[in-house]
Amino acid sequence: MQIVHVHVNVKPEFVTAFKEATIANASNSVMEAGVARFDVIQQADEPTRFILVEVYKSAEGAAAHKETPYYLRWRDAVAEMMAEPRQGIKYVNIFPEDADW
Protein backbone atom coordinates (compact mmCIF):
# COMPACT_ATOMS: atom_id res chain seq x y z
CA MET A 1 0.00 0.00 0.00
CA GLN A 2 1.01 3.55 -0.61
CA ILE A 3 -0.49 6.31 1.49
CA VAL A 4 -0.05 9.98 0.63
CA HIS A 5 -1.11 12.99 2.67
CA VAL A 6 -1.22 16.02 0.39
CA HIS A 7 -1.09 19.23 2.40
CA VAL A 8 -2.63 22.23 0.64
CA ASN A 9 -2.88 25.85 1.75
CA VAL A 10 -5.46 27.67 -0.39
CA LYS A 11 -5.80 31.42 -0.90
CA PRO A 12 -8.90 32.54 1.08
CA GLU A 13 -10.79 33.76 -1.97
CA PHE A 14 -10.50 30.32 -3.60
CA VAL A 15 -11.67 28.03 -0.76
CA THR A 16 -15.07 27.31 -2.31
CA ALA A 17 -13.68 26.77 -5.82
CA PHE A 18 -10.91 24.54 -4.45
CA LYS A 19 -13.41 22.41 -2.56
CA GLU A 20 -15.59 22.00 -5.67
CA ALA A 21 -12.65 21.02 -7.89
CA THR A 22 -11.20 18.69 -5.28
CA ILE A 23 -14.50 16.93 -4.60
CA ALA A 24 -14.90 16.35 -8.35
CA ASN A 25 -11.43 14.80 -8.47
CA ALA A 26 -11.99 12.69 -5.35
CA SER A 27 -15.41 11.48 -6.54
CA ASN A 28 -13.80 10.02 -9.64
CA SER A 29 -10.68 8.83 -7.84
CA VAL A 30 -12.56 6.53 -5.45
CA MET A 31 -13.81 4.57 -8.47
CA GLU A 32 -10.29 3.66 -9.60
CA ALA A 33 -9.31 0.02 -9.13
CA GLY A 34 -5.99 1.07 -7.56
CA VAL A 35 -7.51 3.44 -5.00
CA ALA A 36 -8.49 2.09 -1.60
CA ARG A 37 -9.50 5.43 -0.10
CA PHE A 38 -9.48 9.11 -1.01
CA ASP A 39 -10.49 11.58 1.69
CA VAL A 40 -10.62 15.36 1.52
CA ILE A 41 -10.40 17.05 4.91
CA GLN A 42 -10.43 20.72 5.87
CA GLN A 43 -8.74 22.08 8.98
CA ALA A 44 -11.44 23.21 11.44
CA ASP A 45 -9.61 26.22 12.88
CA GLU A 46 -7.87 27.26 9.63
CA PRO A 47 -10.34 26.75 6.74
CA THR A 48 -7.76 27.53 4.05
CA ARG A 49 -5.80 24.38 4.94
CA PHE A 50 -6.68 20.98 3.54
CA ILE A 51 -5.25 17.49 3.52
CA LEU A 52 -6.01 14.96 0.82
CA VAL A 53 -5.64 11.48 2.32
CA GLU A 54 -4.93 9.18 -0.59
CA VAL A 55 -4.59 5.42 -0.02
CA TYR A 56 -3.47 3.37 -2.99
CA LYS A 57 -3.30 -0.40 -3.22
CA SER A 58 0.16 -0.14 -4.79
CA ALA A 59 2.69 2.30 -6.17
CA GLU A 60 1.32 1.45 -9.61
CA GLY A 61 -2.14 2.55 -8.49
CA ALA A 62 -0.73 5.88 -7.34
CA ALA A 63 1.07 6.36 -10.65
CA ALA A 64 -2.04 5.45 -12.66
CA HIS A 65 -4.07 8.03 -10.73
CA LYS A 66 -1.72 10.81 -11.87
CA GLU A 67 -2.50 9.96 -15.50
CA THR A 68 -6.29 10.25 -15.27
CA PRO A 69 -8.02 13.14 -17.04
CA TYR A 70 -9.81 14.27 -13.87
CA TYR A 71 -6.55 14.42 -11.88
CA LEU A 72 -4.90 16.43 -14.67
CA ARG A 73 -7.92 18.80 -14.76
CA TRP A 74 -7.75 19.20 -10.97
CA ARG A 75 -4.00 19.82 -10.98
CA ASP A 76 -4.30 22.56 -13.58
CA ALA A 77 -7.46 24.11 -12.11
CA VAL A 78 -6.17 24.47 -8.55
CA ALA A 79 -2.58 25.52 -9.30
CA GLU A 80 -3.31 29.24 -9.00
CA MET A 81 -5.60 28.72 -6.00
CA MET A 82 -2.77 27.63 -3.74
CA ALA A 83 -1.06 30.06 -1.39
CA GLU A 84 2.08 27.89 -1.57
CA PRO A 85 3.05 24.71 -3.41
CA ARG A 86 1.22 21.62 -2.16
CA GLN A 87 3.26 19.06 -0.26
CA GLY A 88 2.76 15.31 -0.60
CA ILE A 89 4.12 13.12 2.17
CA LYS A 90 4.25 9.35 1.60
CA TYR A 91 3.52 6.82 4.32
CA VAL A 92 3.44 3.04 4.62
CA ASN A 93 0.79 1.05 6.45
CA ILE A 94 1.97 -0.76 9.58
CA PHE A 95 -1.36 -1.70 11.19
CA PRO A 96 -3.40 -3.54 10.37
CA GLU A 97 -0.68 -5.42 8.52
CA ASP A 98 -2.99 -7.42 6.29
CA ALA A 99 -5.52 -4.70 5.53
CA ASP A 100 -7.44 -5.72 2.43
CA TRP A 101 -8.58 -2.34 1.19
C-alpha atoms as a PDB file:
ATOM      1  CA  MET A   1       0.000   0.000   0.000  1.00  0.00           C
ATOM      2  CA  GLN A   2       1.014   3.551  -0.606  1.00  0.00           C
ATOM      3  CA  ILE A   3      -0.490   6.309   1.495  1.00  0.00           C
ATOM      4  CA  VAL A   4      -0.047   9.975   0.630  1.00  0.00           C
ATOM      5  CA  HIS A   5      -1.113  12.990   2.669  1.00  0.00           C
ATOM      6  CA  VAL A   6      -1.217  16.015   0.386  1.00  0.00           C
ATOM      7  CA  HIS A   7      -1.087  19.234   2.396  1.00  0.00           C
ATOM      8  CA  VAL A   8      -2.633  22.228   0.645  1.00  0.00           C
ATOM      9  CA  ASN A   9      -2.881  25.852   1.745  1.00  0.00           C
ATOM     10  CA  VAL A  10      -5.456  27.671  -0.390  1.00  0.00           C
ATOM     11  CA  LYS A  11      -5.803  31.420  -0.903  1.00  0.00           C
ATOM     12  CA  PRO A  12      -8.897  32.535   1.076  1.00  0.00           C
ATOM     13  CA  GLU A  13     -10.787  33.758  -1.973  1.00  0.00           C
ATOM     14  CA  PHE A  14     -10.497  30.316  -3.603  1.00  0.00           C
ATOM     15  CA  VAL A  15     -11.668  28.035  -0.764  1.00  0.00           C
ATOM     16  CA  THR A  16     -15.073  27.308  -2.313  1.00  0.00           C
ATOM     17  CA  ALA A  17     -13.685  26.768  -5.821  1.00  0.00           C
ATOM     18  CA  PHE A  18     -10.911  24.545  -4.445  1.00  0.00           C
ATOM     19  CA  LYS A  19     -13.415  22.412  -2.561  1.00  0.00           C
ATOM     20  CA  GLU A  20     -15.586  22.003  -5.668  1.00  0.00           C
ATOM     21  CA  ALA A  21     -12.648  21.021  -7.892  1.00  0.00           C
ATOM     22  CA  THR A  22     -11.198  18.687  -5.280  1.00  0.00           C
ATOM     23  CA  ILE A  23     -14.503  16.933  -4.602  1.00  0.00           C
ATOM     24  CA  ALA A  24     -14.901  16.346  -8.351  1.00  0.00           C
ATOM     25  CA  ASN A  25     -11.429  14.796  -8.473  1.00  0.00           C
ATOM     26  CA  ALA A  26     -11.994  12.692  -5.345  1.00  0.00           C
ATOM     27  CA  SER A  27     -15.411  11.480  -6.536  1.00  0.00           C
ATOM     28  CA  ASN A  28     -13.797  10.024  -9.640  1.00  0.00           C
ATOM     29  CA  SER A  29     -10.683   8.827  -7.837  1.00  0.00           C
ATOM     30  CA  VAL A  30     -12.558   6.535  -5.446  1.00  0.00           C
ATOM     31  CA  MET A  31     -13.811   4.569  -8.465  1.00  0.00           C
ATOM     32  CA  GLU A  32     -10.291   3.664  -9.605  1.00  0.00           C
ATOM     33  CA  ALA A  33      -9.312   0.022  -9.130  1.00  0.00           C
ATOM     34  CA  GLY A  34      -5.989   1.069  -7.562  1.00  0.00           C
ATOM     35  CA  VAL A  35      -7.512   3.438  -5.000  1.00  0.00           C
ATOM     36  CA  ALA A  36      -8.488   2.091  -1.596  1.00  0.00           C
ATOM     37  CA  ARG A  37      -9.504   5.427  -0.102  1.00  0.00           C
ATOM     38  CA  PHE A  38      -9.478   9.107  -1.014  1.00  0.00           C
ATOM     39  CA  ASP A  39     -10.490  11.576   1.695  1.00  0.00           C
ATOM     40  CA  VAL A  40     -10.616  15.364   1.518  1.00  0.00           C
ATOM     41  CA  ILE A  41     -10.397  17.055   4.907  1.00  0.00           C
ATOM     42  CA  GLN A  42     -10.427  20.717   5.871  1.00  0.00           C
ATOM     43  CA  GLN A  43      -8.742  22.076   8.985  1.00  0.00           C
ATOM     44  CA  ALA A  44     -11.438  23.210  11.445  1.00  0.00           C
ATOM     45  CA  ASP A  45      -9.610  26.221  12.879  1.00  0.00           C
ATOM     46  CA  GLU A  46      -7.875  27.263   9.631  1.00  0.00           C
ATOM     47  CA  PRO A  47     -10.341  26.748   6.743  1.00  0.00           C
ATOM     48  CA  THR A  48      -7.762  27.531   4.054  1.00  0.00           C
ATOM     49  CA  ARG A  49      -5.796  24.380   4.945  1.00  0.00           C
ATOM     50  CA  PHE A  50      -6.684  20.982   3.538  1.00  0.00           C
ATOM     51  CA  ILE A  51      -5.254  17.493   3.515  1.00  0.00           C
ATOM     52  CA  LEU A  52      -6.010  14.956   0.817  1.00  0.00           C
ATOM     53  CA  VAL A  53      -5.637  11.482   2.323  1.00  0.00           C
ATOM     54  CA  GLU A  54      -4.933   9.179  -0.593  1.00  0.00           C
ATOM     55  CA  VAL A  55      -4.592   5.425  -0.017  1.00  0.00           C
ATOM     56  CA  TYR A  56      -3.469   3.367  -2.989  1.00  0.00           C
ATOM     57  CA  LYS A  57      -3.299  -0.403  -3.216  1.00  0.00           C
ATOM     58  CA  SER A  58       0.160  -0.141  -4.795  1.00  0.00           C
ATOM     59  CA  ALA A  59       2.694   2.302  -6.172  1.00  0.00           C
ATOM     60  CA  GLU A  60       1.319   1.446  -9.612  1.00  0.00           C
ATOM     61  CA  GLY A  61      -2.143   2.554  -8.486  1.00  0.00           C
ATOM     62  CA  ALA A  62      -0.726   5.882  -7.343  1.00  0.00           C
ATOM     63  CA  ALA A  63       1.072   6.355 -10.653  1.00  0.00           C
ATOM     64  CA  ALA A  64      -2.037   5.450 -12.662  1.00  0.00           C
ATOM     65  CA  HIS A  65      -4.071   8.030 -10.733  1.00  0.00           C
ATOM     66  CA  LYS A  66      -1.722  10.811 -11.873  1.00  0.00           C
ATOM     67  CA  GLU A  67      -2.497   9.959 -15.500  1.00  0.00           C
ATOM     68  CA  THR A  68      -6.292  10.251 -15.267  1.00  0.00           C
ATOM     69  CA  PRO A  69      -8.023  13.136 -17.040  1.00  0.00           C
ATOM     70  CA  TYR A  70      -9.811  14.274 -13.870  1.00  0.00           C
ATOM     71  CA  TYR A  71      -6.552  14.425 -11.878  1.00  0.00           C
ATOM     72  CA  LEU A  72      -4.901  16.434 -14.672  1.00  0.00           C
ATOM     73  CA  ARG A  73      -7.921  18.801 -14.761  1.00  0.00           C
ATOM     74  CA  TRP A  74      -7.754  19.199 -10.969  1.00  0.00           C
ATOM     75  CA  ARG A  75      -3.996  19.821 -10.984  1.00  0.00           C
ATOM     76  CA  ASP A  76      -4.303  22.558 -13.582  1.00  0.00           C
ATOM     77  CA  ALA A  77      -7.463  24.107 -12.111  1.00  0.00           C
ATOM     78  CA  VAL A  78      -6.167  24.469  -8.554  1.00  0.00           C
ATOM     79  CA  ALA A  79      -2.577  25.517  -9.296  1.00  0.00           C
ATOM     80  CA  GLU A  80      -3.311  29.239  -9.000  1.00  0.00           C
ATOM     81  CA  MET A  81      -5.599  28.722  -6.005  1.00  0.00           C
ATOM     82  CA  MET A  82      -2.770  27.633  -3.736  1.00  0.00           C
ATOM     83  CA  ALA A  83      -1.058  30.064  -1.389  1.00  0.00           C
ATOM     84  CA  GLU A  84       2.079  27.894  -1.571  1.00  0.00           C
ATOM     85  CA  PRO A  85       3.052  24.705  -3.409  1.00  0.00           C
ATOM     86  CA  ARG A  86       1.224  21.617  -2.162  1.00  0.00           C
ATOM     87  CA  GLN A  87       3.264  19.058  -0.265  1.00  0.00           C
ATOM     88  CA  GLY A  88       2.764  15.314  -0.596  1.00  0.00           C
ATOM     89  CA  ILE A  89       4.123  13.116   2.173  1.00  0.00           C
ATOM     90  CA  LYS A  90       4.254   9.347   1.596  1.00  0.00           C
ATOM     91  CA  TYR A  91       3.516   6.818   4.320  1.00  0.00           C
ATOM     92  CA  VAL A  92       3.440   3.038   4.619  1.00  0.00           C
ATOM     93  CA  ASN A  93       0.789   1.054   6.447  1.00  0.00           C
ATOM     94  CA  ILE A  94       1.967  -0.764   9.584  1.00  0.00           C
ATOM     95  CA  PHE A  95      -1.362  -1.704  11.186  1.00  0.00           C
ATOM     96  CA  PRO A  96      -3.405  -3.544  10.367  1.00  0.00           C
ATOM     97  CA  GLU A  97      -0.683  -5.419   8.520  1.00  0.00           C
ATOM     98  CA  ASP A  98      -2.994  -7.417   6.291  1.00  0.00           C
ATOM     99  CA  ALA A  99      -5.522  -4.701   5.532  1.00  0.00           C
ATOM    100  CA  ASP A 100      -7.440  -5.719   2.429  1.00  0.00           C
ATOM    101  CA  TRP A 101      -8.577  -2.337   1.185  1.00  0.00           C
END
